Amino acid sequence: TSSAGVSMDEDTKTEILRLRERVKELEAENKTLKALGDNAKKITELQQRLERQNLERKCDDLRTAMEELEAENTGLKMRVGKRSQRIAELEQRIARMGEVASQLEHDKKMLCTEQSLLEDANKKLMKEVNRLKQEGDEWRVSLQEAKVGTSQV
């Protein structure tokens, strides 16, 4: 038994040494795995921070673009307002021109009527003038005949 006990003691010592070595290896591996886990966590945090920064940058870019578009839209609204005002002014001018054209058309009709009346009156006057000329000619002839008749007597 003592030889078996000695050999067992040596086997146990060897096994204990081997197990201690294995524990050291496992502890080293555990430290490595823990370090890798910490590194993975840090990498994930860095990736998330980077994504957040990219999103914030994109948001800032979009906000800036939106502000520029709003400013441009305000400018366009002002231009549309001015154009609308100009259109309204032109429509008022057109309406006034229509009124003026209507008044001119009315005046033209009145002048045409007046011209026609004046032409008719002129024709009557010319007839009267011609009648009076003829009557005057007849009176002259009568007057000359009367002078000739008195001078013969």
N, C-alpha and C. Protein backbone atom coordinates (compact mmCIF):
# COMPACT_ATOMS: atom_id res chain seq x y z
N THR A 1 0.81 -1.19 0.00
CA THR A 1 0.00 0.00 0.00
C THR A 1 0.85 1.24 0.00
N SER A 2 1.98 1.17 0.64
CA SER A 2 2.78 2.37 0.68
C SER A 2 3.31 2.70 -0.70
N SER A 3 3.63 1.68 -1.51
CA SER A 3 4.06 1.99 -2.86
C SER A 3 2.89 2.50 -3.69
N ALA A 4 1.72 1.94 -3.44
CA ALA A 4 0.54 2.43 -4.15
C ALA A 4 0.20 3.81 -3.64
N GLY A 5 0.35 4.07 -2.38
CA GLY A 5 0.06 5.37 -1.80
C GLY A 5 1.03 6.41 -2.30
N VAL A 6 2.30 6.00 -2.51
CA VAL A 6 3.31 6.92 -3.00
C VAL A 6 3.00 7.27 -4.44
N SER A 7 2.70 6.23 -5.18
CA SER A 7 2.41 6.49 -6.57
C SER A 7 1.14 7.29 -6.70
N MET A 8 0.23 7.08 -5.81
CA MET A 8 -0.99 7.85 -5.85
C MET A 8 -0.71 9.29 -5.48
N ASP A 9 0.15 9.43 -4.56
CA ASP A 9 0.50 10.78 -4.18
C ASP A 9 1.17 11.50 -5.34
N GLU A 10 2.02 10.82 -6.03
CA GLU A 10 2.67 11.43 -7.18
C GLU A 10 1.67 11.66 -8.30
N ASP A 11 0.80 10.70 -8.51
CA ASP A 11 -0.24 10.88 -9.54
C ASP A 11 -1.14 12.06 -9.15
N THR A 12 -1.46 12.15 -7.88
CA THR A 12 -2.34 13.23 -7.42
C THR A 12 -1.62 14.56 -7.56
N LYS A 13 -0.34 14.58 -7.20
CA LYS A 13 0.43 15.81 -7.33
C LYS A 13 0.51 16.22 -8.79
N THR A 14 0.75 15.26 -9.64
CA THR A 14 0.85 15.54 -11.07
C THR A 14 -0.51 16.05 -11.59
N GLU A 15 -1.54 15.38 -11.14
CA GLU A 15 -2.89 15.78 -11.57
C GLU A 15 -3.20 17.17 -11.05
N ILE A 16 -2.82 17.43 -9.78
CA ILE A 16 -3.07 18.75 -9.19
C ILE A 16 -2.29 19.80 -9.97
N LEU A 17 -1.02 19.52 -10.30
CA LEU A 17 -0.22 20.47 -11.08
C LEU A 17 -0.85 20.71 -12.46
N ARG A 18 -1.25 19.56 -13.07
CA ARG A 18 -1.88 19.67 -14.38
C ARG A 18 -3.17 20.50 -14.28
N LEU A 19 -3.95 20.26 -13.21
CA LEU A 19 -5.20 21.00 -13.03
C LEU A 19 -4.93 22.47 -12.74
N ARG A 20 -3.86 22.72 -11.96
CA ARG A 20 -3.50 24.12 -11.68
C ARG A 20 -3.11 24.84 -12.98
N GLU A 21 -2.34 24.16 -13.80
CA GLU A 21 -1.96 24.72 -15.11
C GLU A 21 -3.22 25.00 -15.93
N ARG A 22 -4.12 24.03 -15.89
CA ARG A 22 -5.38 24.18 -16.66
C ARG A 22 -6.18 25.35 -16.13
N VAL A 23 -6.21 25.53 -14.80
CA VAL A 23 -6.92 26.66 -14.18
C VAL A 23 -6.29 27.96 -14.65
N LYS A 24 -4.93 28.02 -14.63
CA LYS A 24 -4.23 29.23 -15.09
C LYS A 24 -4.58 29.51 -16.55
N GLU A 25 -4.58 28.46 -17.37
CA GLU A 25 -4.93 28.62 -18.78
C GLU A 25 -6.36 29.15 -18.91
N LEU A 26 -7.27 28.55 -18.14
CA LEU A 26 -8.66 28.98 -18.20
C LEU A 26 -8.83 30.41 -17.69
N GLU A 27 -8.08 30.76 -16.64
CA GLU A 27 -8.15 32.14 -16.13
C GLU A 27 -7.63 33.11 -17.18
N ALA A 28 -6.51 32.74 -17.85
CA ALA A 28 -5.95 33.59 -18.91
C ALA A 28 -6.96 33.72 -20.06
N GLU A 29 -7.55 32.57 -20.41
CA GLU A 29 -8.56 32.57 -21.49
C GLU A 29 -9.76 33.41 -21.07
N ASN A 30 -10.14 33.30 -19.79
CA ASN A 30 -11.26 34.05 -19.27
C ASN A 30 -10.96 35.56 -19.35
N LYS A 31 -9.71 35.93 -18.96
CA LYS A 31 -9.31 37.34 -19.06
C LYS A 31 -9.37 37.81 -20.51
N THR A 32 -8.86 36.97 -21.41
CA THR A 32 -8.89 37.31 -22.84
C THR A 32 -10.32 37.48 -23.32
N LEU A 33 -11.18 36.52 -22.93
CA LEU A 33 -12.59 36.61 -23.34
C LEU A 33 -13.26 37.84 -22.75
N LYS A 34 -12.94 38.13 -21.47
CA LYS A 34 -13.51 39.31 -20.84
C LYS A 34 -13.04 40.57 -21.57
N ALA A 35 -11.73 40.61 -21.90
CA ALA A 35 -11.17 41.76 -22.64
C ALA A 35 -11.84 41.87 -24.00
N LEU A 36 -12.02 40.73 -24.68
CA LEU A 36 -12.70 40.74 -25.99
C LEU A 36 -14.13 41.23 -25.84
N GLY A 37 -14.79 40.77 -24.75
CA GLY A 37 -16.17 41.23 -24.50
C GLY A 37 -16.21 42.72 -24.25
N ASP A 38 -15.25 43.21 -23.44
CA ASP A 38 -15.16 44.65 -23.18
C ASP A 38 -14.90 45.41 -24.47
N ASN A 39 -13.98 44.86 -25.29
CA ASN A 39 -13.67 45.50 -26.58
C ASN A 39 -14.89 45.49 -27.49
N ALA A 40 -15.61 44.38 -27.50
CA ALA A 40 -16.82 44.29 -28.33
C ALA A 40 -17.84 45.31 -27.86
N LYS A 41 -17.96 45.45 -26.53
CA LYS A 41 -18.90 46.43 -25.97
C LYS A 41 -18.49 47.84 -26.37
N LYS A 42 -17.18 48.13 -26.26
CA LYS A 42 -16.67 49.45 -26.64
C LYS A 42 -16.89 49.70 -28.13
N ILE A 43 -16.64 48.67 -28.94
CA ILE A 43 -16.86 48.82 -30.40
C ILE A 43 -18.32 49.10 -30.68
N THR A 44 -19.21 48.37 -30.02
CA THR A 44 -20.66 48.59 -30.20
C THR A 44 -21.04 50.00 -29.79
N GLU A 45 -20.50 50.43 -28.62
CA GLU A 45 -20.79 51.80 -28.16
C GLU A 45 -20.26 52.83 -29.15
N LEU A 46 -19.05 52.61 -29.66
CA LEU A 46 -18.47 53.53 -30.64
C LEU A 46 -19.29 53.55 -31.93
N GLN A 47 -19.73 52.36 -32.37
CA GLN A 47 -20.56 52.31 -33.57
C GLN A 47 -21.88 53.05 -33.35
N GLN A 48 -22.48 52.86 -32.17
CA GLN A 48 -23.73 53.55 -31.88
C GLN A 48 -23.51 55.06 -31.82
N ARG A 49 -22.40 55.48 -31.19
CA ARG A 49 -22.10 56.91 -31.12
C ARG A 49 -21.88 57.48 -32.52
N LEU A 50 -21.18 56.72 -33.36
CA LEU A 50 -20.93 57.14 -34.74
C LEU A 50 -22.25 57.25 -35.51
N GLU A 51 -23.12 56.25 -35.34
CA GLU A 51 -24.43 56.29 -36.01
C GLU A 51 -25.23 57.49 -35.53
N ARG A 52 -25.19 57.74 -34.21
CA ARG A 52 -25.91 58.88 -33.65
C ARG A 52 -25.37 60.19 -34.23
N GLN A 53 -24.03 60.30 -34.30
CA GLN A 53 -23.42 61.51 -34.87
C GLN A 53 -23.81 61.67 -36.35
N ASN A 54 -23.80 60.56 -37.09
CA ASN A 54 -24.20 60.62 -38.51
C ASN A 54 -25.65 61.07 -38.63
N LEU A 55 -26.51 60.49 -37.76
CA LEU A 55 -27.92 60.89 -37.79
C LEU A 55 -28.10 62.36 -37.43
N GLU A 56 -27.35 62.81 -36.42
CA GLU A 56 -27.43 64.23 -36.03
C GLU A 56 -26.95 65.12 -37.17
N ARG A 57 -25.88 64.72 -37.86
CA ARG A 57 -25.36 65.49 -39.00
C ARG A 57 -26.40 65.54 -40.11
N LYS A 58 -27.01 64.35 -40.38
CA LYS A 58 -28.05 64.31 -41.42
C LYS A 58 -29.23 65.18 -41.03
N CYS A 59 -29.62 65.14 -39.76
CA CYS A 59 -30.73 65.98 -39.28
C CYS A 59 -30.39 67.46 -39.45
N ASP A 60 -29.15 67.82 -39.10
CA ASP A 60 -28.71 69.21 -39.27
C ASP A 60 -28.75 69.61 -40.74
N ASP A 61 -28.26 68.71 -41.60
CA ASP A 61 -28.29 68.99 -43.04
C ASP A 61 -29.72 69.16 -43.53
N LEU A 62 -30.59 68.25 -43.08
CA LEU A 62 -32.00 68.34 -43.48
C LEU A 62 -32.66 69.61 -42.95
N ARG A 63 -32.33 69.97 -41.70
CA ARG A 63 -32.88 71.18 -41.10
C ARG A 63 -32.42 72.40 -41.90
N THR A 64 -31.15 72.43 -42.26
CA THR A 64 -30.61 73.54 -43.05
C THR A 64 -31.30 73.60 -44.42
N ALA A 65 -31.42 72.43 -45.06
CA ALA A 65 -32.09 72.38 -46.37
C ALA A 65 -33.53 72.84 -46.25
N MET A 66 -34.21 72.43 -45.18
CA MET A 66 -35.60 72.81 -44.98
C MET A 66 -35.71 74.33 -44.76
N GLU A 67 -34.79 74.90 -43.98
CA GLU A 67 -34.80 76.35 -43.76
C GLU A 67 -34.57 77.09 -45.08
N GLU A 68 -33.65 76.58 -45.90
CA GLU A 68 -33.40 77.20 -47.20
C GLU A 68 -34.64 77.12 -48.08
N LEU A 69 -35.29 75.96 -48.07
CA LEU A 69 -36.51 75.80 -48.87
C LEU A 69 -37.63 76.70 -48.36
N GLU A 70 -37.74 76.83 -47.03
CA GLU A 70 -38.75 77.73 -46.48
C GLU A 70 -38.48 79.17 -46.88
N ALA A 71 -37.22 79.56 -46.85
CA ALA A 71 -36.86 80.92 -47.27
C ALA A 71 -37.19 81.12 -48.74
N GLU A 72 -36.85 80.13 -49.56
CA GLU A 72 -37.16 80.21 -50.99
C GLU A 72 -38.67 80.25 -51.20
N ASN A 73 -39.39 79.44 -50.44
CA ASN A 73 -40.85 79.41 -50.53
C ASN A 73 -41.45 80.76 -50.15
N THR A 74 -40.90 81.38 -49.10
CA THR A 74 -41.37 82.70 -48.69
C THR A 74 -41.14 83.71 -49.83
N GLY A 75 -39.96 83.64 -50.44
CA GLY A 75 -39.66 84.52 -51.57
C GLY A 75 -40.63 84.30 -52.72
N LEU A 76 -40.91 83.03 -53.00
CA LEU A 76 -41.85 82.72 -54.08
C LEU A 76 -43.26 83.21 -53.75
N LYS A 77 -43.66 83.05 -52.49
CA LYS A 77 -44.99 83.54 -52.08
C LYS A 77 -45.08 85.05 -52.27
N MET A 78 -43.98 85.75 -51.93
CA MET A 78 -43.98 87.21 -52.11
C MET A 78 -44.09 87.56 -53.59
N ARG A 79 -43.35 86.81 -54.42
CA ARG A 79 -43.42 87.07 -55.87
C ARG A 79 -44.81 86.78 -56.40
N VAL A 80 -45.42 85.67 -55.92
CA VAL A 80 -46.78 85.32 -56.34
C VAL A 80 -47.75 86.42 -55.91
N GLY A 81 -47.56 86.92 -54.68
CA GLY A 81 -48.42 88.00 -54.19
C GLY A 81 -48.30 89.24 -55.06
N LYS A 82 -47.06 89.60 -55.41
CA LYS A 82 -46.85 90.77 -56.28
C LYS A 82 -47.47 90.54 -57.65
N ARG A 83 -47.30 89.32 -58.17
CA ARG A 83 -47.88 89.00 -59.49
C ARG A 83 -49.40 89.07 -59.42
N SER A 84 -49.98 88.54 -58.34
CA SER A 84 -51.43 88.58 -58.18
C SER A 84 -51.92 90.02 -58.12
N GLN A 85 -51.17 90.84 -57.39
CA GLN A 85 -51.54 92.25 -57.29
C GLN A 85 -51.46 92.92 -58.66
N ARG A 86 -50.41 92.61 -59.40
CA ARG A 86 -50.25 93.19 -60.75
C ARG A 86 -51.37 92.72 -61.67
N ILE A 87 -51.74 91.44 -61.56
CA ILE A 87 -52.84 90.90 -62.37
C ILE A 87 -54.13 91.63 -62.03
N ALA A 88 -54.38 91.85 -60.73
CA ALA A 88 -55.59 92.56 -60.31
C ALA A 88 -55.60 93.99 -60.88
N GLU A 89 -54.44 94.66 -60.82
CA GLU A 89 -54.34 96.00 -61.38
C GLU A 89 -54.64 95.99 -62.88
N LEU A 90 -54.07 95.02 -63.59
CA LEU A 90 -54.30 94.93 -65.04
C LEU A 90 -55.76 94.63 -65.34
N GLU A 91 -56.36 93.76 -64.52
CA GLU A 91 -57.79 93.46 -64.72
C GLU A 91 -58.63 94.70 -64.51
N GLN A 92 -58.26 95.53 -63.52
CA GLN A 92 -58.98 96.79 -63.29
C GLN A 92 -58.80 97.73 -64.48
N ARG A 93 -57.57 97.79 -65.00
CA ARG A 93 -57.33 98.65 -66.17
C ARG A 93 -58.14 98.16 -67.37
N ILE A 94 -58.18 96.83 -67.54
CA ILE A 94 -58.95 96.26 -68.65
C ILE A 94 -60.42 96.61 -68.49
N ALA A 95 -60.92 96.50 -67.25
CA ALA A 95 -62.33 96.83 -67.00
C ALA A 95 -62.57 98.31 -67.32
N ARG A 96 -61.65 99.18 -66.86
CA ARG A 96 -61.80 100.61 -67.16
C ARG A 96 -61.73 100.85 -68.66
N MET A 97 -60.82 100.15 -69.35
CA MET A 97 -60.71 100.30 -70.81
C MET A 97 -61.99 99.82 -71.48
N GLY A 98 -62.56 98.75 -70.94
CA GLY A 98 -63.84 98.27 -71.47
C GLY A 98 -64.92 99.32 -71.32
N GLU A 99 -64.93 99.97 -70.14
CA GLU A 99 -65.91 101.05 -69.92
C GLU A 99 -65.66 102.20 -70.88
N VAL A 100 -64.38 102.55 -71.04
CA VAL A 100 -64.03 103.64 -71.96
C VAL A 100 -64.42 103.25 -73.38
N ALA A 101 -64.11 102.00 -73.76
CA ALA A 101 -64.46 101.54 -75.11
C ALA A 101 -65.97 101.58 -75.31
N SER A 102 -66.70 101.17 -74.28
CA SER A 102 -68.17 101.20 -74.37
C SER A 102 -68.66 102.64 -74.52
N GLN A 103 -68.07 103.56 -73.72
CA GLN A 103 -68.45 104.97 -73.81
C GLN A 103 -68.09 105.53 -75.19
N LEU A 104 -66.89 105.15 -75.69
CA LEU A 104 -66.49 105.62 -77.03
C LEU A 104 -67.42 105.08 -78.11
N GLU A 105 -67.83 103.82 -77.96
CA GLU A 105 -68.77 103.22 -78.91
C GLU A 105 -70.09 103.98 -78.89
N HIS A 106 -70.54 104.32 -77.66
CA HIS A 106 -71.78 105.10 -77.52
C HIS A 106 -71.61 106.47 -78.17
N ASP A 107 -70.47 107.13 -77.86
CA ASP A 107 -70.20 108.45 -78.45
C ASP A 107 -70.14 108.36 -79.97
N LYS A 108 -69.54 107.30 -80.49
CA LYS A 108 -69.45 107.10 -81.94
C LYS A 108 -70.85 107.02 -82.55
N LYS A 109 -71.73 106.23 -81.91
CA LYS A 109 -73.10 106.10 -82.41
C LYS A 109 -73.80 107.45 -82.39
N MET A 110 -73.60 108.19 -81.28
CA MET A 110 -74.22 109.52 -81.17
C MET A 110 -73.69 110.45 -82.26
N LEU A 111 -72.37 110.41 -82.50
CA LEU A 111 -71.77 111.26 -83.53
C LEU A 111 -72.25 110.86 -84.92
N CYS A 112 -72.38 109.53 -85.13
CA CYS A 112 -72.89 109.07 -86.43
C CYS A 112 -74.33 109.54 -86.64
N THR A 113 -75.13 109.45 -85.59
CA THR A 113 -76.52 109.92 -85.67
C THR A 113 -76.54 111.42 -85.93
N GLU A 114 -75.70 112.14 -85.18
CA GLU A 114 -75.63 113.60 -85.36
C GLU A 114 -75.15 113.94 -86.76
N GLN A 115 -74.15 113.19 -87.25
CA GLN A 115 -73.64 113.42 -88.60
C GLN A 115 -74.74 113.17 -89.63
N SER A 116 -75.47 112.10 -89.44
CA SER A 116 -76.57 111.80 -90.36
C SER A 116 -77.61 112.91 -90.34
N LEU A 117 -77.95 113.40 -89.13
CA LEU A 117 -78.92 114.50 -89.02
C LEU A 117 -78.39 115.76 -89.68
N LEU A 118 -77.08 116.03 -89.46
CA LEU A 118 -76.47 117.22 -90.08
C LEU A 118 -76.45 117.10 -91.61
N GLU A 119 -76.17 115.87 -92.11
CA GLU A 119 -76.17 115.67 -93.55
C GLU A 119 -77.58 115.88 -94.12
N ASP A 120 -78.58 115.36 -93.40
CA ASP A 120 -79.97 115.58 -93.83
C ASP A 120 -80.31 117.06 -93.82
N ALA A 121 -79.92 117.76 -92.74
CA ALA A 121 -80.19 119.20 -92.64
C ALA A 121 -79.45 119.94 -93.74
N ASN A 122 -78.21 119.50 -94.03
CA ASN A 122 -77.42 120.15 -95.09
C ASN A 122 -78.10 119.97 -96.44
N LYS A 123 -78.63 118.75 -96.70
CA LYS A 123 -79.34 118.51 -97.96
C LYS A 123 -80.54 119.44 -98.07
N LYS A 124 -81.29 119.56 -96.97
CA LYS A 124 -82.47 120.45 -96.98
C LYS A 124 -82.05 121.88 -97.23
N LEU A 125 -80.94 122.28 -96.55
CA LEU A 125 -80.46 123.66 -96.75
C LEU A 125 -80.02 123.88 -98.20
N MET A 126 -79.35 122.85 -98.75
CA MET A 126 -78.90 122.99 -100.15
C MET A 126 -80.10 123.09 -101.08
N LYS A 127 -81.14 122.33 -100.80
CA LYS A 127 -82.36 122.44 -101.61
C LYS A 127 -82.95 123.83 -101.48
N GLU A 128 -82.98 124.29 -100.21
CA GLU A 128 -83.53 125.63 -99.97
C GLU A 128 -82.67 126.68 -100.66
N VAL A 129 -81.34 126.52 -100.61
CA VAL A 129 -80.43 127.46 -101.27
C VAL A 129 -80.68 127.45 -102.78
N ASN A 130 -80.78 126.22 -103.31
CA ASN A 130 -81.03 126.12 -104.76
C ASN A 130 -82.39 126.74 -105.11
N ARG A 131 -83.40 126.48 -104.26
CA ARG A 131 -84.72 127.07 -104.52
C ARG A 131 -84.63 128.59 -104.46
N LEU A 132 -83.91 129.09 -103.44
CA LEU A 132 -83.78 130.54 -103.31
C LEU A 132 -82.98 131.13 -104.47
N LYS A 133 -81.95 130.41 -104.94
CA LYS A 133 -81.19 130.88 -106.12
C LYS A 133 -82.12 130.97 -107.32
N GLN A 134 -82.90 129.90 -107.48
CA GLN A 134 -83.82 129.87 -108.63
C GLN A 134 -84.84 131.01 -108.52
N GLU A 135 -85.35 131.20 -107.28
CA GLU A 135 -86.31 132.28 -107.06
C GLU A 135 -85.65 133.62 -107.30
N GLY A 136 -84.39 133.71 -106.83
CA GLY A 136 -83.64 134.96 -107.04
C GLY A 136 -83.43 135.22 -108.54
N ASP A 137 -83.09 134.11 -109.26
CA ASP A 137 -82.89 134.25 -110.71
C ASP A 137 -84.19 134.72 -111.36
N GLU A 138 -85.30 134.12 -110.92
CA GLU A 138 -86.60 134.51 -111.49
C GLU A 138 -86.89 135.98 -111.19
N TRP A 139 -86.57 136.43 -109.98
CA TRP A 139 -86.80 137.83 -109.62
C TRP A 139 -85.90 138.74 -110.43
N ARG A 140 -84.68 138.33 -110.71
CA ARG A 140 -83.80 139.15 -111.52
C ARG A 140 -84.32 139.28 -112.93
N VAL A 141 -84.78 138.14 -113.45
CA VAL A 141 -85.33 138.16 -114.80
C VAL A 141 -86.56 139.07 -114.84
N SER A 142 -87.41 138.94 -113.85
CA SER A 142 -88.60 139.79 -113.79
C SER A 142 -88.20 141.25 -113.65
N LEU A 143 -87.20 141.49 -112.83
CA LEU A 143 -86.74 142.86 -112.61
C LEU A 143 -86.14 143.43 -113.88
N GLN A 144 -85.37 142.63 -114.61
CA GLN A 144 -84.79 143.12 -115.87
C GLN A 144 -85.89 143.34 -116.89
N GLU A 145 -86.86 142.46 -116.92
CA GLU A 145 -87.97 142.64 -117.86
C GLU A 145 -88.72 143.91 -117.52
N ALA A 146 -88.86 144.16 -116.21
CA ALA A 146 -89.57 145.35 -115.79
C ALA A 146 -88.76 146.59 -116.17
N LYS A 147 -87.44 146.55 -116.06
CA LYS A 147 -86.59 147.68 -116.44
C LYS A 147 -86.66 147.90 -117.94
N VAL A 148 -86.64 146.78 -118.65
CA VAL A 148 -86.69 146.90 -120.11
C VAL A 148 -88.03 147.46 -120.52
N GLY A 149 -89.09 147.04 -119.91
CA GLY A 149 -90.43 147.51 -120.22
C GLY A 149 -90.59 148.99 -119.90
N THR A 150 -90.05 149.49 -118.82
CA THR A 150 -90.16 150.90 -118.45
C THR A 150 -89.24 151.73 -119.32
N SER A 151 -88.15 151.22 -119.72
CA SER A 151 -87.28 152.03 -120.57
C SER A 151 -87.83 152.12 -121.98
N GLN A 152 -88.66 151.22 -122.41
CA GLN A 152 -89.25 151.30 -123.74
C GLN A 152 -90.42 152.26 -123.73
N VAL A 153 -90.99 152.49 -122.67
CA VAL A 153 -92.15 153.36 -122.64
C VAL A 153 -91.69 154.75 -122.65
